[in-house]
Amino acid sequence: MAMANSPLPNQPSVSWRPPSFSTIAWKALTRKPGRMVGLGILLFYILMAIFGPMLYPANLPVNPANIYAPPSWAHPLGTDFEGTDVLALILTGSRYVLYSAGLAAFFTVSIGALLGLVSGYFRGWPETVVMRIADFFLTVPGFPLLVVLSTVWDFGNPVSMGLVLGLTGWAPLARAVRSQTLSLRERGFVEAARGLGLSRAEIIWSEIFPNTAPYVAMHFLLAITGSIYLEVGLFFLGVVPFSTNNWGVMLNLAFSQAGAMYSTRALPYLLSPLFCIMSLTFGIVLFLGAVDEMLNPRLRRV
């Protein structure tokens, strides 16, 4: 007589397989409609920065007699105080803004994650040196420091702008990653990796870093928004020479040359870059929830 808990003769065996990352990403994006909206906004601005200046160049004929023209089919966003098409200025300015902000986020995450992992795992003098430097950058106000550096650094180059923003903004991430590394280095799976003979570099890269990746990815997107505000603010205040066109330059000229505070004719020129900054930041914030769920298993539903 067969036992009660014995499998049926023709019952197929069931094997469970973990879902692929593409499945996890799709579920995270579609779980809330706002996340797809955020991804769409982010992709829209990326494509606009890449292809926009080529499809709608800023070197269109300028007509001084057509200043402050209202939005029309010929000029969808109107013209500025020189008769230049505002949409063309928005498209060319988006390339600088997104390029420099992306580089700034890359440098911020690379420096902060690397120094945080090294200082948290090795302890001793590496931790002391890194944390004292981080304390300096956390103590000194970031924006005034950038204003001072703008006098000796060429911020008209987006690579230079991104590098400076990364060098001055890595400290918060380094401290957070160090705290996580201090906890992870004592876990059982790290001790097992040491017992298997893995080198320190292999343990940091294959065992500790994947557990800090969700926070690093979130900080990357947040660093993009912070970098946009910083660089736009520098150009808006006029502390950086106007050697290139971007949204901060447009805001500065809207107040200093176009008189946007006193004339409603200049409002399209003022509101266009403001809307781009706000909508791009809003899209990144909406997309953050999906990224967090993709990389953090605790947030996924069974």
C-alpha atoms as a PDB file:
ATOM      1  CA  MET A   1       0.000   0.000   0.000  1.00  0.00           C
ATOM      2  CA  ALA A   2       1.413   3.386  -1.017  1.00  0.00           C
ATOM      3  CA  MET A   3       2.178   5.927   1.657  1.00  0.00           C
ATOM      4  CA  ALA A   4      -0.199   8.917   1.940  1.00  0.00           C
ATOM      5  CA  ASN A   5       2.533  11.467   1.283  1.00  0.00           C
ATOM      6  CA  SER A   6       4.098   9.669  -1.684  1.00  0.00           C
ATOM      7  CA  PRO A   7       3.936  11.463  -5.062  1.00  0.00           C
ATOM      8  CA  LEU A   8       1.387  10.330  -7.617  1.00  0.00           C
ATOM      9  CA  PRO A   9       2.743   8.026 -10.335  1.00  0.00           C
ATOM     10  CA  ASN A  10       2.210  10.410 -13.264  1.00  0.00           C
ATOM     11  CA  GLN A  11       2.540  13.726 -11.436  1.00  0.00           C
ATOM     12  CA  PRO A  12       5.057  16.021 -13.235  1.00  0.00           C
ATOM     13  CA  SER A  13       7.884  17.454 -11.191  1.00  0.00           C
ATOM     14  CA  VAL A  14       7.718  21.217 -10.629  1.00  0.00           C
ATOM     15  CA  SER A  15      10.954  23.214 -10.485  1.00  0.00           C
ATOM     16  CA  TRP A  16      11.008  26.865  -9.404  1.00  0.00           C
ATOM     17  CA  ARG A  17      13.199  29.294 -11.266  1.00  0.00           C
ATOM     18  CA  PRO A  18      13.903  32.825 -10.137  1.00  0.00           C
ATOM     19  CA  PRO A  19      12.465  35.475 -12.460  1.00  0.00           C
ATOM     20  CA  SER A  20      14.817  37.166 -14.878  1.00  0.00           C
ATOM     21  CA  PHE A  21      15.857  40.777 -14.416  1.00  0.00           C
ATOM     22  CA  SER A  22      13.791  41.822 -17.431  1.00  0.00           C
ATOM     23  CA  THR A  23      10.692  40.336 -15.783  1.00  0.00           C
ATOM     24  CA  ILE A  24      11.491  42.069 -12.504  1.00  0.00           C
ATOM     25  CA  ALA A  25      12.070  45.390 -14.288  1.00  0.00           C
ATOM     26  CA  TRP A  26       8.848  45.139 -16.261  1.00  0.00           C
ATOM     27  CA  LYS A  27       6.784  44.355 -13.152  1.00  0.00           C
ATOM     28  CA  ALA A  28       8.425  47.209 -11.249  1.00  0.00           C
ATOM     29  CA  LEU A  29       7.662  49.657 -14.056  1.00  0.00           C
ATOM     30  CA  THR A  30       4.068  48.563 -14.609  1.00  0.00           C
ATOM     31  CA  ARG A  31       3.082  48.196 -10.963  1.00  0.00           C
ATOM     32  CA  LYS A  32       2.346  51.926 -10.799  1.00  0.00           C
ATOM     33  CA  PRO A  33       1.532  53.982 -13.910  1.00  0.00           C
ATOM     34  CA  GLY A  34       3.558  56.951 -12.713  1.00  0.00           C
ATOM     35  CA  ARG A  35       6.775  54.982 -13.104  1.00  0.00           C
ATOM     36  CA  MET A  36       6.246  54.472 -16.821  1.00  0.00           C
ATOM     37  CA  VAL A  37       5.453  58.163 -17.111  1.00  0.00           C
ATOM     38  CA  GLY A  38       8.706  59.002 -15.357  1.00  0.00           C
ATOM     39  CA  LEU A  39      10.697  56.708 -17.644  1.00  0.00           C
ATOM     40  CA  GLY A  40       9.014  58.234 -20.679  1.00  0.00           C
ATOM     41  CA  ILE A  41       9.898  61.765 -19.541  1.00  0.00           C
ATOM     42  CA  LEU A  42      13.510  60.782 -18.906  1.00  0.00           C
ATOM     43  CA  LEU A  43      13.867  59.089 -22.293  1.00  0.00           C
ATOM     44  CA  PHE A  44      12.221  62.056 -23.992  1.00  0.00           C
ATOM     45  CA  TYR A  45      14.787  64.499 -22.634  1.00  0.00           C
ATOM     46  CA  ILE A  46      17.679  62.168 -23.415  1.00  0.00           C
ATOM     47  CA  LEU A  47      16.554  61.833 -27.030  1.00  0.00           C
ATOM     48  CA  MET A  48      15.898  65.560 -27.188  1.00  0.00           C
ATOM     49  CA  ALA A  49      19.437  66.324 -26.049  1.00  0.00           C
ATOM     50  CA  ILE A  50      20.932  63.889 -28.568  1.00  0.00           C
ATOM     51  CA  PHE A  51      18.894  64.601 -31.680  1.00  0.00           C
ATOM     52  CA  GLY A  52      17.176  67.924 -30.958  1.00  0.00           C
ATOM     53  CA  PRO A  53      20.026  70.281 -31.923  1.00  0.00           C
ATOM     54  CA  MET A  54      20.529  68.375 -35.166  1.00  0.00           C
ATOM     55  CA  LEU A  55      16.863  68.451 -36.161  1.00  0.00           C
ATOM     56  CA  TYR A  56      16.212  72.013 -35.022  1.00  0.00           C
ATOM     57  CA  PRO A  57      19.543  73.887 -34.903  1.00  0.00           C
ATOM     58  CA  ALA A  58      20.001  77.133 -33.010  1.00  0.00           C
ATOM     59  CA  ASN A  59      21.763  78.877 -35.907  1.00  0.00           C
ATOM     60  CA  LEU A  60      18.446  79.675 -37.554  1.00  0.00           C
ATOM     61  CA  PRO A  61      18.134  83.110 -39.153  1.00  0.00           C
ATOM     62  CA  VAL A  62      17.700  85.776 -36.468  1.00  0.00           C
ATOM     63  CA  ASN A  63      15.241  88.564 -37.160  1.00  0.00           C
ATOM     64  CA  PRO A  64      15.711  91.524 -34.766  1.00  0.00           C
ATOM     65  CA  ALA A  65      12.402  92.938 -35.955  1.00  0.00           C
ATOM     66  CA  ASN A  66      10.635  89.829 -34.664  1.00  0.00           C
ATOM     67  CA  ILE A  67      11.598  90.068 -30.979  1.00  0.00           C
ATOM     68  CA  TYR A  68       9.251  88.637 -28.359  1.00  0.00           C
ATOM     69  CA  ALA A  69       7.124  86.987 -31.007  1.00  0.00           C
ATOM     70  CA  PRO A  70       4.327  84.926 -29.433  1.00  0.00           C
ATOM     71  CA  PRO A  71       4.207  81.142 -29.957  1.00  0.00           C
ATOM     72  CA  SER A  72       3.236  80.228 -33.506  1.00  0.00           C
ATOM     73  CA  TRP A  73       3.803  77.511 -36.116  1.00  0.00           C
ATOM     74  CA  ALA A  74       7.007  79.238 -37.204  1.00  0.00           C
ATOM     75  CA  HIS A  75       8.228  79.620 -33.604  1.00  0.00           C
ATOM     76  CA  PRO A  76       6.475  77.076 -31.334  1.00  0.00           C
ATOM     77  CA  LEU A  77       7.781  78.719 -28.162  1.00  0.00           C
ATOM     78  CA  GLY A  78       8.106  82.254 -29.500  1.00  0.00           C
ATOM     79  CA  THR A  79      11.310  84.282 -29.766  1.00  0.00           C
ATOM     80  CA  ASP A  80      13.594  86.011 -27.276  1.00  0.00           C
ATOM     81  CA  PHE A  81      14.792  89.600 -26.968  1.00  0.00           C
ATOM     82  CA  GLU A  82      17.030  89.153 -30.042  1.00  0.00           C
ATOM     83  CA  GLY A  83      14.481  87.418 -32.227  1.00  0.00           C
ATOM     84  CA  THR A  84      16.076  83.981 -31.716  1.00  0.00           C
ATOM     85  CA  ASP A  85      13.781  80.964 -31.693  1.00  0.00           C
ATOM     86  CA  VAL A  86      13.251  79.863 -28.069  1.00  0.00           C
ATOM     87  CA  LEU A  87      12.683  76.197 -28.963  1.00  0.00           C
ATOM     88  CA  ALA A  88      16.075  76.066 -30.656  1.00  0.00           C
ATOM     89  CA  LEU A  89      17.693  77.508 -27.531  1.00  0.00           C
ATOM     90  CA  ILE A  90      15.907  74.939 -25.345  1.00  0.00           C
ATOM     91  CA  LEU A  91      17.112  72.052 -27.506  1.00  0.00           C
ATOM     92  CA  THR A  92      20.738  73.176 -27.628  1.00  0.00           C
ATOM     93  CA  GLY A  93      20.723  73.971 -23.928  1.00  0.00           C
ATOM     94  CA  SER A  94      19.404  70.522 -23.028  1.00  0.00           C
ATOM     95  CA  ARG A  95      22.533  68.877 -24.406  1.00  0.00           C
ATOM     96  CA  TYR A  96      24.849  70.764 -22.054  1.00  0.00           C
ATOM     97  CA  VAL A  97      22.565  70.308 -19.043  1.00  0.00           C
ATOM     98  CA  LEU A  98      22.054  66.555 -19.400  1.00  0.00           C
ATOM     99  CA  TYR A  99      25.610  65.812 -20.494  1.00  0.00           C
ATOM    100  CA  SER A 100      27.226  67.643 -17.590  1.00  0.00           C
ATOM    101  CA  ALA A 101      24.655  66.343 -15.073  1.00  0.00           C
ATOM    102  CA  GLY A 102      25.164  62.756 -16.238  1.00  0.00           C
ATOM    103  CA  LEU A 103      28.936  63.096 -15.951  1.00  0.00           C
ATOM    104  CA  ALA A 104      28.598  64.692 -12.524  1.00  0.00           C
ATOM    105  CA  ALA A 105      26.425  61.818 -11.307  1.00  0.00           C
ATOM    106  CA  PHE A 106      28.874  59.285 -12.756  1.00  0.00           C
ATOM    107  CA  PHE A 107      31.873  60.871 -11.038  1.00  0.00           C
ATOM    108  CA  THR A 108      29.940  61.312  -7.785  1.00  0.00           C
ATOM    109  CA  VAL A 109      28.872  57.666  -7.662  1.00  0.00           C
ATOM    110  CA  SER A 110      32.224  56.286  -8.803  1.00  0.00           C
ATOM    111  CA  ILE A 111      34.279  58.241  -6.270  1.00  0.00           C
ATOM    112  CA  GLY A 112      31.813  57.946  -3.409  1.00  0.00           C
ATOM    113  CA  ALA A 113      31.147  54.203  -3.803  1.00  0.00           C
ATOM    114  CA  LEU A 114      34.830  53.323  -4.234  1.00  0.00           C
ATOM    115  CA  LEU A 115      36.019  55.335  -1.235  1.00  0.00           C
ATOM    116  CA  GLY A 116      33.118  54.127   0.885  1.00  0.00           C
ATOM    117  CA  LEU A 117      33.846  50.470   0.126  1.00  0.00           C
ATOM    118  CA  VAL A 118      37.585  50.809   0.705  1.00  0.00           C
ATOM    119  CA  SER A 119      37.282  52.765   3.941  1.00  0.00           C
ATOM    120  CA  GLY A 120      34.581  50.485   5.346  1.00  0.00           C
ATOM    121  CA  TYR A 121      36.296  47.221   4.520  1.00  0.00           C
ATOM    122  CA  PHE A 122      39.942  47.984   5.315  1.00  0.00           C
ATOM    123  CA  ARG A 123      39.300  50.275   8.321  1.00  0.00           C
ATOM    124  CA  GLY A 124      42.438  51.733   9.912  1.00  0.00           C
ATOM    125  CA  TRP A 125      44.178  54.667   8.256  1.00  0.00           C
ATOM    126  CA  PRO A 126      42.239  54.413   4.936  1.00  0.00           C
ATOM    127  CA  GLU A 127      39.003  54.950   6.845  1.00  0.00           C
ATOM    128  CA  THR A 128      40.466  57.854   8.834  1.00  0.00           C
ATOM    129  CA  VAL A 129      41.821  59.652   5.767  1.00  0.00           C
ATOM    130  CA  VAL A 130      38.683  59.206   3.672  1.00  0.00           C
ATOM    131  CA  MET A 131      36.294  60.227   6.447  1.00  0.00           C
ATOM    132  CA  ARG A 132      38.272  63.368   7.336  1.00  0.00           C
ATOM    133  CA  ILE A 133      38.238  64.471   3.697  1.00  0.00           C
ATOM    134  CA  ALA A 134      34.526  63.670   3.546  1.00  0.00           C
ATOM    135  CA  ASP A 135      33.963  65.753   6.693  1.00  0.00           C
ATOM    136  CA  PHE A 136      35.620  68.696   4.965  1.00  0.00           C
ATOM    137  CA  PHE A 137      33.304  68.541   1.949  1.00  0.00           C
ATOM    138  CA  LEU A 138      30.283  68.027   4.189  1.00  0.00           C
ATOM    139  CA  THR A 139      31.231  71.043   6.296  1.00  0.00           C
ATOM    140  CA  VAL A 140      31.998  73.504   3.509  1.00  0.00           C
ATOM    141  CA  PRO A 141      28.808  74.825   1.794  1.00  0.00           C
ATOM    142  CA  GLY A 142      28.718  73.265  -1.658  1.00  0.00           C
ATOM    143  CA  PHE A 143      27.296  76.107  -3.725  1.00  0.00           C
ATOM    144  CA  PRO A 144      29.644  78.847  -2.425  1.00  0.00           C
ATOM    145  CA  LEU A 145      32.546  76.473  -2.999  1.00  0.00           C
ATOM    146  CA  LEU A 146      31.468  76.050  -6.621  1.00  0.00           C
ATOM    147  CA  VAL A 147      31.224  79.820  -7.005  1.00  0.00           C
ATOM    148  CA  VAL A 148      34.836  80.143  -5.843  1.00  0.00           C
ATOM    149  CA  LEU A 149      36.006  77.316  -8.101  1.00  0.00           C
ATOM    150  CA  SER A 150      34.265  78.910 -11.080  1.00  0.00           C
ATOM    151  CA  THR A 151      36.874  81.679 -11.019  1.00  0.00           C
ATOM    152  CA  VAL A 152      39.705  79.232 -11.749  1.00  0.00           C
ATOM    153  CA  TRP A 153      37.886  76.407 -13.567  1.00  0.00           C
ATOM    154  CA  ASP A 154      36.363  76.398 -17.039  1.00  0.00           C
ATOM    155  CA  PHE A 155      32.728  75.604 -16.339  1.00  0.00           C
ATOM    156  CA  GLY A 156      31.822  76.356 -19.940  1.00  0.00           C
ATOM    157  CA  ASN A 157      33.050  72.837 -20.744  1.00  0.00           C
ATOM    158  CA  PRO A 158      30.452  70.239 -19.648  1.00  0.00           C
ATOM    159  CA  VAL A 159      33.199  67.704 -18.841  1.00  0.00           C
ATOM    160  CA  SER A 160      34.883  70.184 -16.509  1.00  0.00           C
ATOM    161  CA  MET A 161      31.557  71.044 -14.914  1.00  0.00           C
ATOM    162  CA  GLY A 162      30.692  67.384 -14.363  1.00  0.00           C
ATOM    163  CA  LEU A 163      34.128  66.607 -12.925  1.00  0.00           C
ATOM    164  CA  VAL A 164      34.012  69.472 -10.430  1.00  0.00           C
ATOM    165  CA  LEU A 165      30.482  68.587  -9.326  1.00  0.00           C
ATOM    166  CA  GLY A 166      31.579  64.987  -8.848  1.00  0.00           C
ATOM    167  CA  LEU A 167      34.702  65.912  -6.883  1.00  0.00           C
ATOM    168  CA  THR A 168      32.704  68.102  -4.520  1.00  0.00           C
ATOM    169  CA  GLY A 169      29.605  65.920  -4.128  1.00  0.00           C
ATOM    170  CA  TRP A 170      30.858  62.403  -3.339  1.00  0.00           C
ATOM    171  CA  ALA A 171      31.050  62.717   0.456  1.00  0.00           C
ATOM    172  CA  PRO A 172      27.429  61.815   1.440  1.00  0.00           C
ATOM    173  CA  LEU A 173      27.477  58.662  -0.672  1.00  0.00           C
ATOM    174  CA  ALA A 174      30.897  57.631   0.687  1.00  0.00           C
ATOM    175  CA  ARG A 175      29.635  57.873   4.254  1.00  0.00           C
ATOM    176  CA  ALA A 176      26.494  55.864   3.509  1.00  0.00           C
ATOM    177  CA  VAL A 177      28.374  53.111   1.639  1.00  0.00           C
ATOM    178  CA  ARG A 178      30.983  52.947   4.406  1.00  0.00           C
ATOM    179  CA  SER A 179      28.240  52.373   6.996  1.00  0.00           C
ATOM    180  CA  GLN A 180      26.745  49.556   4.946  1.00  0.00           C
ATOM    181  CA  THR A 181      30.170  48.017   4.335  1.00  0.00           C
ATOM    182  CA  LEU A 182      30.964  48.008   8.080  1.00  0.00           C
ATOM    183  CA  SER A 183      27.856  45.884   8.625  1.00  0.00           C
ATOM    184  CA  LEU A 184      28.342  43.603   5.629  1.00  0.00           C
ATOM    185  CA  ARG A 185      31.994  42.763   6.267  1.00  0.00           C
ATOM    186  CA  GLU A 186      31.027  40.804   9.384  1.00  0.00           C
ATOM    187  CA  ARG A 187      28.268  38.767   7.739  1.00  0.00           C
ATOM    188  CA  GLY A 188      28.527  35.021   7.288  1.00  0.00           C
ATOM    189  CA  PHE A 189      28.730  35.030   3.497  1.00  0.00           C
ATOM    190  CA  VAL A 190      31.731  37.394   3.620  1.00  0.00           C
ATOM    191  CA  GLU A 191      33.444  35.146   6.170  1.00  0.00           C
ATOM    192  CA  ALA A 192      32.753  32.169   3.897  1.00  0.00           C
ATOM    193  CA  ALA A 193      34.303  34.030   0.962  1.00  0.00           C
ATOM    194  CA  ARG A 194      37.425  34.653   3.034  1.00  0.00           C
ATOM    195  CA  GLY A 195      37.530  30.978   3.933  1.00  0.00           C
ATOM    196  CA  LEU A 196      37.395  30.061   0.240  1.00  0.00           C
ATOM    197  CA  GLY A 197      40.514  32.127  -0.365  1.00  0.00           C
ATOM    198  CA  LEU A 198      38.998  35.046  -2.298  1.00  0.00           C
ATOM    199  CA  SER A 199      41.125  38.156  -2.404  1.00  0.00           C
ATOM    200  CA  ARG A 200      40.019  41.390  -0.758  1.00  0.00           C
ATOM    201  CA  ALA A 201      39.275  42.981  -4.106  1.00  0.00           C
ATOM    202  CA  GLU A 202      37.139  39.995  -5.135  1.00  0.00           C
ATOM    203  CA  ILE A 203      35.214  40.074  -1.845  1.00  0.00           C
ATOM    204  CA  ILE A 204      34.520  43.795  -2.154  1.00  0.00           C
ATOM    205  CA  TRP A 205      33.421  43.544  -5.788  1.00  0.00           C
ATOM    206  CA  SER A 206      31.459  40.274  -5.764  1.00  0.00           C
ATOM    207  CA  GLU A 207      30.116  40.069  -2.203  1.00  0.00           C
ATOM    208  CA  ILE A 208      29.809  43.543  -0.699  1.00  0.00           C
ATOM    209  CA  PHE A 209      29.215  45.881  -3.639  1.00  0.00           C
ATOM    210  CA  PRO A 210      26.084  44.041  -4.950  1.00  0.00           C
ATOM    211  CA  ASN A 211      24.438  44.605  -1.567  1.00  0.00           C
ATOM    212  CA  THR A 212      25.094  48.353  -1.771  1.00  0.00           C
ATOM    213  CA  ALA A 213      24.067  48.641  -5.445  1.00  0.00           C
ATOM    214  CA  PRO A 214      20.413  49.662  -4.774  1.00  0.00           C
ATOM    215  CA  TYR A 215      21.475  52.682  -2.754  1.00  0.00           C
ATOM    216  CA  VAL A 216      24.205  53.579  -5.253  1.00  0.00           C
ATOM    217  CA  ALA A 217      21.726  53.436  -8.143  1.00  0.00           C
ATOM    218  CA  MET A 218      19.247  55.625  -6.279  1.00  0.00           C
ATOM    219  CA  HIS A 219      21.967  58.108  -5.449  1.00  0.00           C
ATOM    220  CA  PHE A 220      22.988  58.242  -9.130  1.00  0.00           C
ATOM    221  CA  LEU A 221      19.546  59.466 -10.172  1.00  0.00           C
ATOM    222  CA  LEU A 222      19.350  61.885  -7.260  1.00  0.00           C
ATOM    223  CA  ALA A 223      22.805  63.208  -8.154  1.00  0.00           C
ATOM    224  CA  ILE A 224      21.526  64.023 -11.646  1.00  0.00           C
ATOM    225  CA  THR A 225      18.753  66.221 -10.248  1.00  0.00           C
ATOM    226  CA  GLY A 226      21.102  67.892  -7.770  1.00  0.00           C
ATOM    227  CA  SER A 227      23.678  68.570 -10.479  1.00  0.00           C
ATOM    228  CA  ILE A 228      21.047  70.152 -12.721  1.00  0.00           C
ATOM    229  CA  TYR A 229      20.051  72.569  -9.976  1.00  0.00           C
ATOM    230  CA  LEU A 230      23.668  73.454  -9.172  1.00  0.00           C
ATOM    231  CA  GLU A 231      24.797  74.115 -12.728  1.00  0.00           C
ATOM    232  CA  VAL A 232      21.640  76.012 -13.646  1.00  0.00           C
ATOM    233  CA  GLY A 233      22.060  78.089 -10.498  1.00  0.00           C
ATOM    234  CA  LEU A 234      25.663  78.966 -11.351  1.00  0.00           C
ATOM    235  CA  PHE A 235      24.728  80.186 -14.808  1.00  0.00           C
ATOM    236  CA  PHE A 236      21.618  81.955 -13.537  1.00  0.00           C
ATOM    237  CA  LEU A 237      23.677  83.995 -11.066  1.00  0.00           C
ATOM    238  CA  GLY A 238      26.094  84.918 -13.832  1.00  0.00           C
ATOM    239  CA  VAL A 239      29.230  83.703 -12.059  1.00  0.00           C
ATOM    240  CA  VAL A 240      30.144  81.580 -15.101  1.00  0.00           C
ATOM    241  CA  PRO A 241      30.956  83.229 -18.442  1.00  0.00           C
ATOM    242  CA  PHE A 242      28.251  82.688 -21.045  1.00  0.00           C
ATOM    243  CA  SER A 243      30.463  80.733 -23.411  1.00  0.00           C
ATOM    244  CA  THR A 244      27.731  78.184 -24.085  1.00  0.00           C
ATOM    245  CA  ASN A 245      23.965  78.083 -24.187  1.00  0.00           C
ATOM    246  CA  ASN A 246      21.988  76.212 -21.538  1.00  0.00           C
ATOM    247  CA  TRP A 247      18.866  76.613 -19.457  1.00  0.00           C
ATOM    248  CA  GLY A 248      20.649  78.589 -16.728  1.00  0.00           C
ATOM    249  CA  VAL A 249      21.884  81.139 -19.263  1.00  0.00           C
ATOM    250  CA  MET A 250      18.340  81.500 -20.585  1.00  0.00           C
ATOM    251  CA  LEU A 251      17.017  82.198 -17.090  1.00  0.00           C
ATOM    252  CA  ASN A 252      19.730  84.770 -16.476  1.00  0.00           C
ATOM    253  CA  LEU A 253      19.085  86.586 -19.738  1.00  0.00           C
ATOM    254  CA  ALA A 254      15.326  86.420 -19.202  1.00  0.00           C
ATOM    255  CA  PHE A 255      15.742  88.570 -16.091  1.00  0.00           C
ATOM    256  CA  SER A 256      18.757  90.712 -17.009  1.00  0.00           C
ATOM    257  CA  GLN A 257      18.081  91.388 -20.701  1.00  0.00           C
ATOM    258  CA  ALA A 258      14.525  90.397 -21.503  1.00  0.00           C
ATOM    259  CA  GLY A 259      12.917  92.036 -18.459  1.00  0.00           C
ATOM    260  CA  ALA A 260      10.720  89.037 -17.697  1.00  0.00           C
ATOM    261  CA  MET A 261       9.777  90.523 -14.322  1.00  0.00           C
ATOM    262  CA  TYR A 262       8.278  93.598 -15.932  1.00  0.00           C
ATOM    263  CA  SER A 263       6.902  92.438 -19.284  1.00  0.00           C
ATOM    264  CA  THR A 264       4.555  89.577 -20.040  1.00  0.00           C
ATOM    265  CA  ARG A 265       5.966  89.423 -23.579  1.00  0.00           C
ATOM    266  CA  ALA A 266       9.079  87.691 -22.226  1.00  0.00           C
ATOM    267  CA  LEU A 267       7.185  85.062 -20.200  1.00  0.00           C
ATOM    268  CA  PRO A 268       7.548  82.239 -22.812  1.00  0.00           C
ATOM    269  CA  TYR A 269      11.304  82.810 -22.803  1.00  0.00           C
ATOM    270  CA  LEU A 270      11.352  82.583 -18.996  1.00  0.00           C
ATOM    271  CA  LEU A 271       8.882  79.755 -18.465  1.00  0.00           C
ATOM    272  CA  SER A 272      10.316  77.396 -21.109  1.00  0.00           C
ATOM    273  CA  PRO A 273      13.553  76.497 -19.256  1.00  0.00           C
ATOM    274  CA  LEU A 274      11.715  76.465 -15.929  1.00  0.00           C
ATOM    275  CA  PHE A 275       9.211  73.946 -17.260  1.00  0.00           C
ATOM    276  CA  CYS A 276      12.018  71.752 -18.647  1.00  0.00           C
ATOM    277  CA  ILE A 277      13.872  71.723 -15.315  1.00  0.00           C
ATOM    278  CA  MET A 278      10.735  70.935 -13.313  1.00  0.00           C
ATOM    279  CA  SER A 279       9.404  68.248 -15.665  1.00  0.00           C
ATOM    280  CA  LEU A 280      12.779  66.501 -15.984  1.00  0.00           C
ATOM    281  CA  THR A 281      13.209  66.421 -12.210  1.00  0.00           C
ATOM    282  CA  PHE A 282       9.623  65.202 -11.796  1.00  0.00           C
ATOM    283  CA  GLY A 283      10.248  62.364 -14.266  1.00  0.00           C
ATOM    284  CA  ILE A 284      13.386  61.244 -12.439  1.00  0.00           C
ATOM    285  CA  VAL A 285      11.561  61.241  -9.095  1.00  0.00           C
ATOM    286  CA  LEU A 286       8.750  59.103 -10.548  1.00  0.00           C
ATOM    287  CA  PHE A 287      11.263  56.662 -12.010  1.00  0.00           C
ATOM    288  CA  LEU A 288      13.131  56.313  -8.698  1.00  0.00           C
ATOM    289  CA  GLY A 289      10.480  54.015  -7.259  1.00  0.00           C
ATOM    290  CA  ALA A 290      10.868  51.537 -10.104  1.00  0.00           C
ATOM    291  CA  VAL A 291      14.665  51.497  -9.786  1.00  0.00           C
ATOM    292  CA  ASP A 292      14.433  50.887  -6.053  1.00  0.00           C
ATOM    293  CA  GLU A 293      12.063  47.949  -6.553  1.00  0.00           C
ATOM    294  CA  MET A 294      14.207  46.461  -9.337  1.00  0.00           C
ATOM    295  CA  LEU A 295      17.313  46.338  -7.158  1.00  0.00           C
ATOM    296  CA  ASN A 296      15.797  45.757  -3.708  1.00  0.00           C
ATOM    297  CA  PRO A 297      14.208  42.300  -3.317  1.00  0.00           C
ATOM    298  CA  ARG A 298      12.443  43.337  -0.116  1.00  0.00           C
ATOM    299  CA  LEU A 299      10.172  45.672  -2.078  1.00  0.00           C
ATOM    300  CA  ARG A 300       9.000  43.086  -4.589  1.00  0.00           C
ATOM    301  CA  ARG A 301       5.671  41.322  -4.187  1.00  0.00           C
ATOM    302  CA  VAL A 302       5.505  37.574  -4.331  1.00  0.00           C
END
